């Protein structure tokens, strides 16, 4: 199990990735091409969590991207509580998938 400090770091990275994803999805909706501004934080998250470059990890990554699209519908201008919850939920889900892939 990861230490509390590592967990906080990963949840923070996920949260940052969600904010970036929300921005990029919004720009895409406006017809702009935001691909140059993608930060690739998800690659860092997956690396830190110990996922490898196999097919199972690729499916989990696709699932991560699907989950992160929920950020598009969050209103983070007033409060980041929903964003924090989504980041924690995604972290927990990735942890479960990682545990299952190590069996």
PDB file of N, CA and C in Angstrom:
ATOM      1  N   UNK A   1       0.843  -1.190   0.000  1.00  0.00           N
ATOM      2  CA  UNK A   1       0.000   0.000   0.000  1.00  0.00           C
ATOM      3  C   UNK A   1       0.886   1.251   0.000  1.00  0.00           C
ATOM      4  N   UNK A   2       0.497   2.204  -0.750  1.00  0.00           N
ATOM      5  CA  UNK A   2       1.249   3.455  -0.843  1.00  0.00           C
ATOM      6  C   UNK A   2       1.123   4.237   0.458  1.00  0.00           C
ATOM      7  N   UNK A   3       2.162   4.998   0.767  1.00  0.00           N
ATOM      8  CA  UNK A   3       2.113   5.841   1.950  1.00  0.00           C
ATOM      9  C   UNK A   3       1.104   6.963   1.733  1.00  0.00           C
ATOM     10  N   UNK A   4       0.702   7.564   2.832  1.00  0.00           N
ATOM     11  CA  UNK A   4      -0.270   8.664   2.762  1.00  0.00           C
ATOM     12  C   UNK A   4       0.280   9.830   1.925  1.00  0.00           C
ATOM     13  N   UNK A   5       1.576  10.076   2.042  1.00  0.00           N
ATOM     14  CA  UNK A   5       2.206  11.156   1.279  1.00  0.00           C
ATOM     15  C   UNK A   5       2.148  10.861  -0.224  1.00  0.00           C
ATOM     16  N   UNK A   6       2.422   9.625  -0.611  1.00  0.00           N
ATOM     17  CA  UNK A   6       2.360   9.240  -2.022  1.00  0.00           C
ATOM     18  C   UNK A   6       0.924   9.318  -2.533  1.00  0.00           C
ATOM     19  N   UNK A   7      -0.021   8.904  -1.697  1.00  0.00           N
ATOM     20  CA  UNK A   7      -1.430   8.968  -2.084  1.00  0.00           C
ATOM     21  C   UNK A   7      -1.840  10.416  -2.337  1.00  0.00           C
ATOM     22  N   UNK A   8      -1.454  11.316  -1.432  1.00  0.00           N
ATOM     23  CA  UNK A   8      -1.803  12.737  -1.600  1.00  0.00           C
ATOM     24  C   UNK A   8      -1.203  13.301  -2.883  1.00  0.00           C
ATOM     25  N   UNK A   9       0.031  12.915  -3.172  1.00  0.00           N
ATOM     26  CA  UNK A   9       0.680  13.372  -4.400  1.00  0.00           C
ATOM     27  C   UNK A   9      -0.077  12.875  -5.629  1.00  0.00           C
ATOM     28  N   UNK A  10      -0.435  11.605  -5.645  1.00  0.00           N
ATOM     29  CA  UNK A  10      -1.149  11.040  -6.783  1.00  0.00           C
ATOM     30  C   UNK A  10      -2.536  11.661  -6.950  1.00  0.00           C
ATOM     31  N   UNK A  11      -3.245  11.862  -5.852  1.00  0.00           N
ATOM     32  CA  UNK A  11      -4.570  12.497  -5.929  1.00  0.00           C
ATOM     33  C   UNK A  11      -4.419  13.932  -6.441  1.00  0.00           C
ATOM     34  N   UNK A  12      -3.382  14.621  -6.011  1.00  0.00           N
ATOM     35  CA  UNK A  12      -3.130  15.985  -6.483  1.00  0.00           C
ATOM     36  C   UNK A  12      -2.833  16.001  -7.989  1.00  0.00           C
ATOM     37  N   UNK A  13      -2.038  15.046  -8.454  1.00  0.00           N
ATOM     38  CA  UNK A  13      -1.750  14.951  -9.887  1.00  0.00           C
ATOM     39  C   UNK A  13      -3.013  14.630 -10.684  1.00  0.00           C
ATOM     40  N   UNK A  14      -3.840  13.745 -10.158  1.00  0.00           N
ATOM     41  CA  UNK A  14      -5.100  13.415 -10.823  1.00  0.00           C
ATOM     42  C   UNK A  14      -5.981  14.655 -10.898  1.00  0.00           C
ATOM     43  N   UNK A  15      -6.042  15.388  -9.800  1.00  0.00           N
ATOM     44  CA  UNK A  15      -6.850  16.617  -9.774  1.00  0.00           C
ATOM     45  C   UNK A  15      -6.337  17.615 -10.814  1.00  0.00           C
ATOM     46  N   UNK A  16      -5.024  17.784 -10.897  1.00  0.00           N
ATOM     47  CA  UNK A  16      -4.439  18.687 -11.896  1.00  0.00           C
ATOM     48  C   UNK A  16      -4.768  18.204 -13.307  1.00  0.00           C
ATOM     49  N   UNK A  17      -4.711  16.901 -13.506  1.00  0.00           N
ATOM     50  CA  UNK A  17      -5.037  16.342 -14.810  1.00  0.00           C
ATOM     51  C   UNK A  17      -6.507  16.579 -15.156  1.00  0.00           C
ATOM     52  N   UNK A  18      -7.382  16.480 -14.158  1.00  0.00           N
ATOM     53  CA  UNK A  18      -8.808  16.729 -14.380  1.00  0.00           C
ATOM     54  C   UNK A  18      -9.059  18.187 -14.781  1.00  0.00           C
ATOM     55  N   UNK A  19      -8.380  19.122 -14.129  1.00  0.00           N
ATOM     56  CA  UNK A  19      -8.535  20.540 -14.469  1.00  0.00           C
ATOM     57  C   UNK A  19      -8.061  20.777 -15.900  1.00  0.00           C
ATOM     58  N   UNK A  20      -6.912  20.189 -16.250  1.00  0.00           N
ATOM     59  CA  UNK A  20      -6.396  20.331 -17.606  1.00  0.00           C
ATOM     60  C   UNK A  20      -7.354  19.709 -18.617  1.00  0.00           C
ATOM     61  N   UNK A  21      -7.882  18.547 -18.284  1.00  0.00           N
ATOM     62  CA  UNK A  21      -8.821  17.855 -19.191  1.00  0.00           C
ATOM     63  C   UNK A  21     -10.096  18.678 -19.380  1.00  0.00           C
ATOM     64  N   UNK A  22     -10.600  19.259 -18.276  1.00  0.00           N
ATOM     65  CA  UNK A  22     -11.797  20.102 -18.352  1.00  0.00           C
ATOM     66  C   UNK A  22     -11.552  21.277 -19.292  1.00  0.00           C
ATOM     67  N   UNK A  23     -10.419  21.905 -19.163  1.00  0.00           N
ATOM     68  CA  UNK A  23     -10.065  23.023 -20.025  1.00  0.00           C
ATOM     69  C   UNK A  23      -9.989  22.589 -21.493  1.00  0.00           C
ATOM     70  N   UNK A  24      -9.309  21.483 -21.740  1.00  0.00           N
ATOM     71  CA  UNK A  24      -9.145  21.018 -23.115  1.00  0.00           C
ATOM     72  C   UNK A  24     -10.471  20.606 -23.737  1.00  0.00           C
ATOM     73  N   UNK A  25     -11.330  19.945 -22.968  1.00  0.00           N
ATOM     74  CA  UNK A  25     -12.642  19.560 -23.487  1.00  0.00           C
ATOM     75  C   UNK A  25     -13.486  20.793 -23.810  1.00  0.00           C
ATOM     76  N   UNK A  26     -13.397  21.819 -22.959  1.00  0.00           N
ATOM     77  CA  UNK A  26     -14.117  23.067 -23.212  1.00  0.00           C
ATOM     78  C   UNK A  26     -13.616  23.769 -24.463  1.00  0.00           C
ATOM     79  N   UNK A  27     -12.298  23.808 -24.632  1.00  0.00           N
ATOM     80  CA  UNK A  27     -11.729  24.426 -25.832  1.00  0.00           C
ATOM     81  C   UNK A  27     -12.132  23.652 -27.085  1.00  0.00           C
ATOM     82  N   UNK A  28     -12.157  22.327 -26.958  1.00  0.00           N
ATOM     83  CA  UNK A  28     -12.566  21.494 -28.085  1.00  0.00           C
ATOM     84  C   UNK A  28     -14.025  21.764 -28.466  1.00  0.00           C
ATOM     85  N   UNK A  29     -14.870  21.953 -27.447  1.00  0.00           N
ATOM     86  CA  UNK A  29     -16.282  22.270 -27.704  1.00  0.00           C
ATOM     87  C   UNK A  29     -16.438  23.595 -28.447  1.00  0.00           C
ATOM     88  N   UNK A  30     -15.489  24.481 -28.254  1.00  0.00           N
ATOM     89  CA  UNK A  30     -15.527  25.781 -28.934  1.00  0.00           C
ATOM     90  C   UNK A  30     -14.958  25.716 -30.348  1.00  0.00           C
ATOM     91  N   UNK A  31     -14.516  24.531 -30.734  1.00  0.00           N
ATOM     92  CA  UNK A  31     -13.977  24.360 -32.075  1.00  0.00           C
ATOM     93  C   UNK A  31     -12.489  24.638 -32.171  1.00  0.00           C
ATOM     94  N   UNK A  32     -11.852  24.845 -31.047  1.00  0.00           N
ATOM     95  CA  UNK A  32     -10.406  25.070 -31.044  1.00  0.00           C
ATOM     96  C   UNK A  32      -9.691  23.725 -30.981  1.00  0.00           C
ATOM     97  N   UNK A  33      -8.439  23.713 -31.344  1.00  0.00           N
ATOM     98  CA  UNK A  33      -7.676  22.467 -31.337  1.00  0.00           C
ATOM     99  C   UNK A  33      -6.677  22.502 -30.191  1.00  0.00           C
ATOM    100  N   UNK A  34      -7.086  22.012 -29.031  1.00  0.00           N
ATOM    101  CA  UNK A  34      -6.263  22.173 -27.832  1.00  0.00           C
ATOM    102  C   UNK A  34      -5.212  21.083 -27.600  1.00  0.00           C
ATOM    103  N   UNK A  35      -4.998  20.191 -28.553  1.00  0.00           N
ATOM    104  CA  UNK A  35      -4.118  19.049 -28.301  1.00  0.00           C
ATOM    105  C   UNK A  35      -2.692  19.457 -27.929  1.00  0.00           C
ATOM    106  N   UNK A  36      -2.248  20.601 -28.366  1.00  0.00           N
ATOM    107  CA  UNK A  36      -0.895  21.050 -28.031  1.00  0.00           C
ATOM    108  C   UNK A  36      -0.756  21.418 -26.556  1.00  0.00           C
ATOM    109  N   UNK A  37      -1.858  21.538 -25.866  1.00  0.00           N
ATOM    110  CA  UNK A  37      -1.826  21.982 -24.469  1.00  0.00           C
ATOM    111  C   UNK A  37      -2.087  20.858 -23.479  1.00  0.00           C
ATOM    112  N   UNK A  38      -2.146  19.623 -23.966  1.00  0.00           N
ATOM    113  CA  UNK A  38      -2.343  18.481 -23.084  1.00  0.00           C
ATOM    114  C   UNK A  38      -1.055  18.242 -22.308  1.00  0.00           C
ATOM    115  N   UNK A  39      -1.147  18.136 -20.987  1.00  0.00           N
ATOM    116  CA  UNK A  39       0.042  18.058 -20.142  1.00  0.00           C
ATOM    117  C   UNK A  39       0.601  16.654 -19.954  1.00  0.00           C
ATOM    118  N   UNK A  40      -0.125  15.626 -20.386  1.00  0.00           N
ATOM    119  CA  UNK A  40       0.320  14.235 -20.239  1.00  0.00           C
ATOM    120  C   UNK A  40       0.544  13.826 -18.789  1.00  0.00           C
ATOM    121  N   UNK A  41      -0.181  14.435 -17.876  1.00  0.00           N
ATOM    122  CA  UNK A  41      -0.059  14.055 -16.468  1.00  0.00           C
ATOM    123  C   UNK A  41      -0.508  12.618 -16.233  1.00  0.00           C
ATOM    124  N   UNK A  42      -1.426  12.141 -17.045  1.00  0.00           N
ATOM    125  CA  UNK A  42      -1.912  10.774 -16.864  1.00  0.00           C
ATOM    126  C   UNK A  42      -0.778   9.764 -17.052  1.00  0.00           C
ATOM    127  N   UNK A  43       0.146  10.031 -17.956  1.00  0.00           N
ATOM    128  CA  UNK A  43       1.298   9.142 -18.132  1.00  0.00           C
ATOM    129  C   UNK A  43       2.146   9.098 -16.863  1.00  0.00           C
ATOM    130  N   UNK A  44       2.327  10.249 -16.245  1.00  0.00           N
ATOM    131  CA  UNK A  44       3.090  10.326 -15.002  1.00  0.00           C
ATOM    132  C   UNK A  44       2.374   9.580 -13.883  1.00  0.00           C
ATOM    133  N   UNK A  45       1.061   9.761 -13.795  1.00  0.00           N
ATOM    134  CA  UNK A  45       0.257   9.083 -12.775  1.00  0.00           C
ATOM    135  C   UNK A  45       0.385   7.577 -12.925  1.00  0.00           C
ATOM    136  N   UNK A  46       0.228   7.090 -14.143  1.00  0.00           N
ATOM    137  CA  UNK A  46       0.292   5.648 -14.371  1.00  0.00           C
ATOM    138  C   UNK A  46       1.684   5.100 -14.083  1.00  0.00           C
ATOM    139  N   UNK A  47       2.695   5.852 -14.417  1.00  0.00           N
ATOM    140  CA  UNK A  47       4.059   5.429 -14.124  1.00  0.00           C
ATOM    141  C   UNK A  47       4.300   5.349 -12.613  1.00  0.00           C
ATOM    142  N   UNK A  48       3.890   6.384 -11.889  1.00  0.00           N
ATOM    143  CA  UNK A  48       4.076   6.403 -10.435  1.00  0.00           C
ATOM    144  C   UNK A  48       3.284   5.290  -9.738  1.00  0.00           C
ATOM    145  N   UNK A  49       2.153   4.910 -10.318  1.00  0.00           N
ATOM    146  CA  UNK A  49       1.334   3.866  -9.717  1.00  0.00           C
ATOM    147  C   UNK A  49       1.818   2.469 -10.096  1.00  0.00           C
ATOM    148  N   UNK A  50       2.792   2.400 -10.982  1.00  0.00           N
ATOM    149  CA  UNK A  50       3.390   1.111 -11.315  1.00  0.00           C
ATOM    150  C   UNK A  50       2.694   0.331 -12.406  1.00  0.00           C
ATOM    151  N   UNK A  51       1.873   1.006 -13.210  1.00  0.00           N
ATOM    152  CA  UNK A  51       1.245   0.319 -14.336  1.00  0.00           C
ATOM    153  C   UNK A  51       2.290   0.126 -15.436  1.00  0.00           C
ATOM    154  N   UNK A  52       2.225  -0.997 -16.105  1.00  0.00           N
ATOM    155  CA  UNK A  52       3.172  -1.273 -17.185  1.00  0.00           C
ATOM    156  C   UNK A  52       2.544  -0.920 -18.534  1.00  0.00           C
ATOM    157  N   UNK A  53       3.259  -1.208 -19.579  1.00  0.00           N
ATOM    158  CA  UNK A  53       2.776  -0.885 -20.920  1.00  0.00           C
ATOM    159  C   UNK A  53       2.119  -2.092 -21.591  1.00  0.00           C
ATOM    160  N   UNK A  54       1.323  -2.845 -20.843  1.00  0.00           N
ATOM    161  CA  UNK A  54       0.672  -4.013 -21.435  1.00  0.00           C
ATOM    162  C   UNK A  54      -0.778  -3.685 -21.796  1.00  0.00           C
ATOM    163  N   UNK A  55      -1.457  -4.654 -22.387  1.00  0.00           N
ATOM    164  CA  UNK A  55      -2.839  -4.445 -22.837  1.00  0.00           C
ATOM    165  C   UNK A  55      -3.788  -4.157 -21.685  1.00  0.00           C
ATOM    166  N   UNK A  56      -3.583  -4.824 -20.546  1.00  0.00           N
ATOM    167  CA  UNK A  56      -4.458  -4.592 -19.391  1.00  0.00           C
ATOM    168  C   UNK A  56      -4.340  -3.148 -18.918  1.00  0.00           C
ATOM    169  N   UNK A  57      -3.123  -2.646 -18.847  1.00  0.00           N
ATOM    170  CA  UNK A  57      -2.918  -1.255 -18.424  1.00  0.00           C
ATOM    171  C   UNK A  57      -3.501  -0.288 -19.441  1.00  0.00           C
ATOM    172  N   UNK A  58      -3.437  -0.658 -20.708  1.00  0.00           N
ATOM    173  CA  UNK A  58      -4.022   0.196 -21.752  1.00  0.00           C
ATOM    174  C   UNK A  58      -5.536   0.313 -21.573  1.00  0.00           C
ATOM    175  N   UNK A  59      -6.192  -0.789 -21.224  1.00  0.00           N
ATOM    176  CA  UNK A  59      -7.645  -0.760 -20.980  1.00  0.00           C
ATOM    177  C   UNK A  59      -7.961   0.090 -19.747  1.00  0.00           C
ATOM    178  N   UNK A  60      -7.143  -0.027 -18.727  1.00  0.00           N
ATOM    179  CA  UNK A  60      -7.335   0.771 -17.513  1.00  0.00           C
ATOM    180  C   UNK A  60      -7.129   2.255 -17.844  1.00  0.00           C
ATOM    181  N   UNK A  61      -6.147   2.546 -18.692  1.00  0.00           N
ATOM    182  CA  UNK A  61      -5.897   3.923 -19.109  1.00  0.00           C
ATOM    183  C   UNK A  61      -7.106   4.491 -19.853  1.00  0.00           C
ATOM    184  N   UNK A  62      -7.682   3.712 -20.741  1.00  0.00           N
ATOM    185  CA  UNK A  62      -8.890   4.148 -21.460  1.00  0.00           C
ATOM    186  C   UNK A  62     -10.028   4.413 -20.475  1.00  0.00           C
ATOM    187  N   UNK A  63     -10.146   3.545 -19.480  1.00  0.00           N
ATOM    188  CA  UNK A  63     -11.170   3.728 -18.444  1.00  0.00           C
ATOM    189  C   UNK A  63     -10.898   5.025 -17.664  1.00  0.00           C
ATOM    190  N   UNK A  64      -9.636   5.279 -17.357  1.00  0.00           N
ATOM    191  CA  UNK A  64      -9.236   6.512 -16.675  1.00  0.00           C
ATOM    192  C   UNK A  64      -9.666   7.734 -17.496  1.00  0.00           C
ATOM    193  N   UNK A  65      -9.425   7.695 -18.796  1.00  0.00           N
ATOM    194  CA  UNK A  65      -9.812   8.814 -19.652  1.00  0.00           C
ATOM    195  C   UNK A  65     -11.330   9.009 -19.655  1.00  0.00           C
ATOM    196  N   UNK A  66     -12.068   7.898 -19.673  1.00  0.00           N
ATOM    197  CA  UNK A  66     -13.533   7.990 -19.609  1.00  0.00           C
ATOM    198  C   UNK A  66     -13.981   8.636 -18.302  1.00  0.00           C
ATOM    199  N   UNK A  67     -13.382   8.197 -17.193  1.00  0.00           N
ATOM    200  CA  UNK A  67     -13.736   8.766 -15.888  1.00  0.00           C
ATOM    201  C   UNK A  67     -13.377  10.244 -15.812  1.00  0.00           C
ATOM    202  N   UNK A  68     -12.247  10.601 -16.384  1.00  0.00           N
ATOM    203  CA  UNK A  68     -11.793  11.995 -16.295  1.00  0.00           C
ATOM    204  C   UNK A  68     -12.668  12.941 -17.108  1.00  0.00           C
ATOM    205  N   UNK A  69     -13.424  12.415 -18.055  1.00  0.00           N
ATOM    206  CA  UNK A  69     -14.338  13.268 -18.818  1.00  0.00           C
ATOM    207  C   UNK A  69     -15.464  13.824 -17.951  1.00  0.00           C
ATOM    208  N   UNK A  70     -15.695  13.215 -16.796  1.00  0.00           N
ATOM    209  CA  UNK A  70     -16.708  13.726 -15.871  1.00  0.00           C
ATOM    210  C   UNK A  70     -16.357  15.132 -15.391  1.00  0.00           C
ATOM    211  N   UNK A  71     -15.077  15.479 -15.431  1.00  0.00           N
ATOM    212  CA  UNK A  71     -14.639  16.805 -14.996  1.00  0.00           C
ATOM    213  C   UNK A  71     -15.266  17.904 -15.839  1.00  0.00           C
ATOM    214  N   UNK A  72     -15.592  17.580 -17.070  1.00  0.00           N
ATOM    215  CA  UNK A  72     -16.184  18.558 -17.990  1.00  0.00           C
ATOM    216  C   UNK A  72     -17.459  19.163 -17.414  1.00  0.00           C
ATOM    217  N   UNK A  73     -18.189  18.384 -16.638  1.00  0.00           N
ATOM    218  CA  UNK A  73     -19.494  18.814 -16.150  1.00  0.00           C
ATOM    219  C   UNK A  73     -19.453  19.387 -14.728  1.00  0.00           C
ATOM    220  N   UNK A  74     -18.263  19.496 -14.151  1.00  0.00           N
ATOM    221  CA  UNK A  74     -18.141  20.046 -12.802  1.00  0.00           C
ATOM    222  C   UNK A  74     -17.991  21.562 -12.864  1.00  0.00           C
ATOM    223  N   UNK A  75     -18.648  22.245 -11.925  1.00  0.00           N
ATOM    224  CA  UNK A  75     -18.476  23.687 -11.796  1.00  0.00           C
ATOM    225  C   UNK A  75     -17.442  23.922 -10.704  1.00  0.00           C
ATOM    226  N   UNK A  76     -16.229  24.269 -11.109  1.00  0.00           N
ATOM    227  CA  UNK A  76     -15.156  24.443 -10.129  1.00  0.00           C
ATOM    228  C   UNK A  76     -14.894  25.910  -9.811  1.00  0.00           C
ATOM    229  N   UNK A  77     -15.755  26.790 -10.308  1.00  0.00           N
ATOM    230  CA  UNK A  77     -15.536  28.220 -10.081  1.00  0.00           C
ATOM    231  C   UNK A  77     -15.826  28.624  -8.636  1.00  0.00           C
ATOM    232  N   UNK A  78     -16.751  27.967  -7.992  1.00  0.00           N
ATOM    233  CA  UNK A  78     -17.125  28.313  -6.611  1.00  0.00           C
ATOM    234  C   UNK A  78     -16.434  27.418  -5.580  1.00  0.00           C
ATOM    235  N   UNK A  79     -16.365  26.125  -5.889  1.00  0.00           N
ATOM    236  CA  UNK A  79     -15.821  25.169  -4.936  1.00  0.00           C
ATOM    237  C   UNK A  79     -15.161  24.017  -5.683  1.00  0.00           C
ATOM    238  N   UNK A  80     -14.154  23.458  -5.066  1.00  0.00           N
ATOM    239  CA  UNK A  80     -13.464  22.332  -5.692  1.00  0.00           C
ATOM    240  C   UNK A  80     -13.784  21.016  -4.988  1.00  0.00           C
ATOM    241  N   UNK A  81     -14.829  21.001  -4.192  1.00  0.00           N
ATOM    242  CA  UNK A  81     -15.194  19.795  -3.450  1.00  0.00           C
ATOM    243  C   UNK A  81     -15.503  18.647  -4.399  1.00  0.00           C
ATOM    244  N   UNK A  82     -16.301  18.911  -5.437  1.00  0.00           N
ATOM    245  CA  UNK A  82     -16.642  17.853  -6.398  1.00  0.00           C
ATOM    246  C   UNK A  82     -15.397  17.372  -7.146  1.00  0.00           C
ATOM    247  N   UNK A  83     -14.514  18.289  -7.466  1.00  0.00           N
ATOM    248  CA  UNK A  83     -13.278  17.935  -8.151  1.00  0.00           C
ATOM    249  C   UNK A  83     -12.401  17.063  -7.254  1.00  0.00           C
ATOM    250  N   UNK A  84     -12.287  17.435  -5.979  1.00  0.00           N
ATOM    251  CA  UNK A  84     -11.514  16.635  -5.024  1.00  0.00           C
ATOM    252  C   UNK A  84     -12.091  15.224  -4.918  1.00  0.00           C
ATOM    253  N   UNK A  85     -13.416  15.141  -4.845  1.00  0.00           N
ATOM    254  CA  UNK A  85     -14.077  13.827  -4.724  1.00  0.00           C
ATOM    255  C   UNK A  85     -13.834  12.983  -5.963  1.00  0.00           C
ATOM    256  N   UNK A  86     -13.952  13.574  -7.141  1.00  0.00           N
ATOM    257  CA  UNK A  86     -13.718  12.832  -8.375  1.00  0.00           C
ATOM    258  C   UNK A  86     -12.270  12.344  -8.435  1.00  0.00           C
ATOM    259  N   UNK A  87     -11.318  13.181  -8.065  1.00  0.00           N
ATOM    260  CA  UNK A  87      -9.907  12.785  -8.069  1.00  0.00           C
ATOM    261  C   UNK A  87      -9.666  11.625  -7.106  1.00  0.00           C
ATOM    262  N   UNK A  88     -10.259  11.692  -5.920  1.00  0.00           N
ATOM    263  CA  UNK A  88     -10.105  10.602  -4.951  1.00  0.00           C
ATOM    264  C   UNK A  88     -10.762   9.324  -5.451  1.00  0.00           C
ATOM    265  N   UNK A  89     -11.944   9.438  -6.045  1.00  0.00           N
ATOM    266  CA  UNK A  89     -12.637   8.260  -6.586  1.00  0.00           C
ATOM    267  C   UNK A  89     -11.812   7.596  -7.690  1.00  0.00           C
ATOM    268  N   UNK A  90     -11.240   8.403  -8.557  1.00  0.00           N
ATOM    269  CA  UNK A  90     -10.406   7.861  -9.636  1.00  0.00           C
ATOM    270  C   UNK A  90      -9.173   7.183  -9.058  1.00  0.00           C
ATOM    271  N   UNK A  91      -8.544   7.810  -8.079  1.00  0.00           N
ATOM    272  CA  UNK A  91      -7.375   7.202  -7.439  1.00  0.00           C
ATOM    273  C   UNK A  91      -7.735   5.837  -6.850  1.00  0.00           C
ATOM    274  N   UNK A  92      -8.842   5.782  -6.127  1.00  0.00           N
ATOM    275  CA  UNK A  92      -9.255   4.506  -5.520  1.00  0.00           C
ATOM    276  C   UNK A  92      -9.529   3.448  -6.581  1.00  0.00           C
ATOM    277  N   UNK A  93     -10.163   3.847  -7.652  1.00  0.00           N
ATOM    278  CA  UNK A  93     -10.445   2.896  -8.736  1.00  0.00           C
ATOM    279  C   UNK A  93      -9.152   2.398  -9.380  1.00  0.00           C
ATOM    280  N   UNK A  94      -8.199   3.288  -9.606  1.00  0.00           N
ATOM    281  CA  UNK A  94      -6.915   2.867 -10.161  1.00  0.00           C
ATOM    282  C   UNK A  94      -6.189   1.921  -9.214  1.00  0.00           C
ATOM    283  N   UNK A  95      -6.297   2.196  -7.920  1.00  0.00           N
ATOM    284  CA  UNK A  95      -5.664   1.334  -6.925  1.00  0.00           C
ATOM    285  C   UNK A  95      -6.248  -0.075  -6.975  1.00  0.00           C
ATOM    286  N   UNK A  96      -7.551  -0.167  -7.113  1.00  0.00           N
ATOM    287  CA  UNK A  96      -8.216  -1.472  -7.205  1.00  0.00           C
ATOM    288  C   UNK A  96      -7.748  -2.205  -8.463  1.00  0.00           C
ATOM    289  N   UNK A  97      -7.717  -1.492  -9.579  1.00  0.00           N
ATOM    290  CA  UNK A  97      -7.269  -2.112 -10.836  1.00  0.00           C
ATOM    291  C   UNK A  97      -5.811  -2.566 -10.747  1.00  0.00           C
ATOM    292  N   UNK A  98      -4.975  -1.768 -10.106  1.00  0.00           N
ATOM    293  CA  UNK A  98      -3.582  -2.137  -9.945  1.00  0.00           C
ATOM    294  C   UNK A  98      -3.451  -3.383  -9.086  1.00  0.00           C
ATOM    295  N   UNK A  99      -4.212  -3.441  -8.009  1.00  0.00           N
ATOM    296  CA  UNK A  99      -4.186  -4.613  -7.133  1.00  0.00           C
ATOM    297  C   UNK A  99      -4.636  -5.861  -7.879  1.00  0.00           C
ATOM    298  N   UNK A 100      -5.688  -5.725  -8.691  1.00  0.00           N
ATOM    299  CA  UNK A 100      -6.198  -6.859  -9.449  1.00  0.00           C
ATOM    300  C   UNK A 100      -5.221  -7.317 -10.512  1.00  0.00           C
ATOM    301  N   UNK A 101      -4.474  -6.389 -11.097  1.00  0.00           N
ATOM    302  CA  UNK A 101      -3.531  -6.765 -12.150  1.00  0.00           C
ATOM    303  C   UNK A 101      -2.267  -7.402 -11.576  1.00  0.00           C
ATOM    304  N   UNK A 102      -2.014  -7.199 -10.291  1.00  0.00           N
ATOM    305  CA  UNK A 102      -0.835  -7.795  -9.648  1.00  0.00           C
ATOM    306  C   UNK A 102      -1.100  -9.197  -9.119  1.00  0.00           C
ATOM    307  N   UNK A 103      -2.343  -9.653  -9.218  1.00  0.00           N
ATOM    308  CA  UNK A 103      -2.679 -10.991  -8.704  1.00  0.00           C
ATOM    309  C   UNK A 103      -2.308 -12.060  -9.700  1.00  0.00           C
TER     310      UNK A 103
END
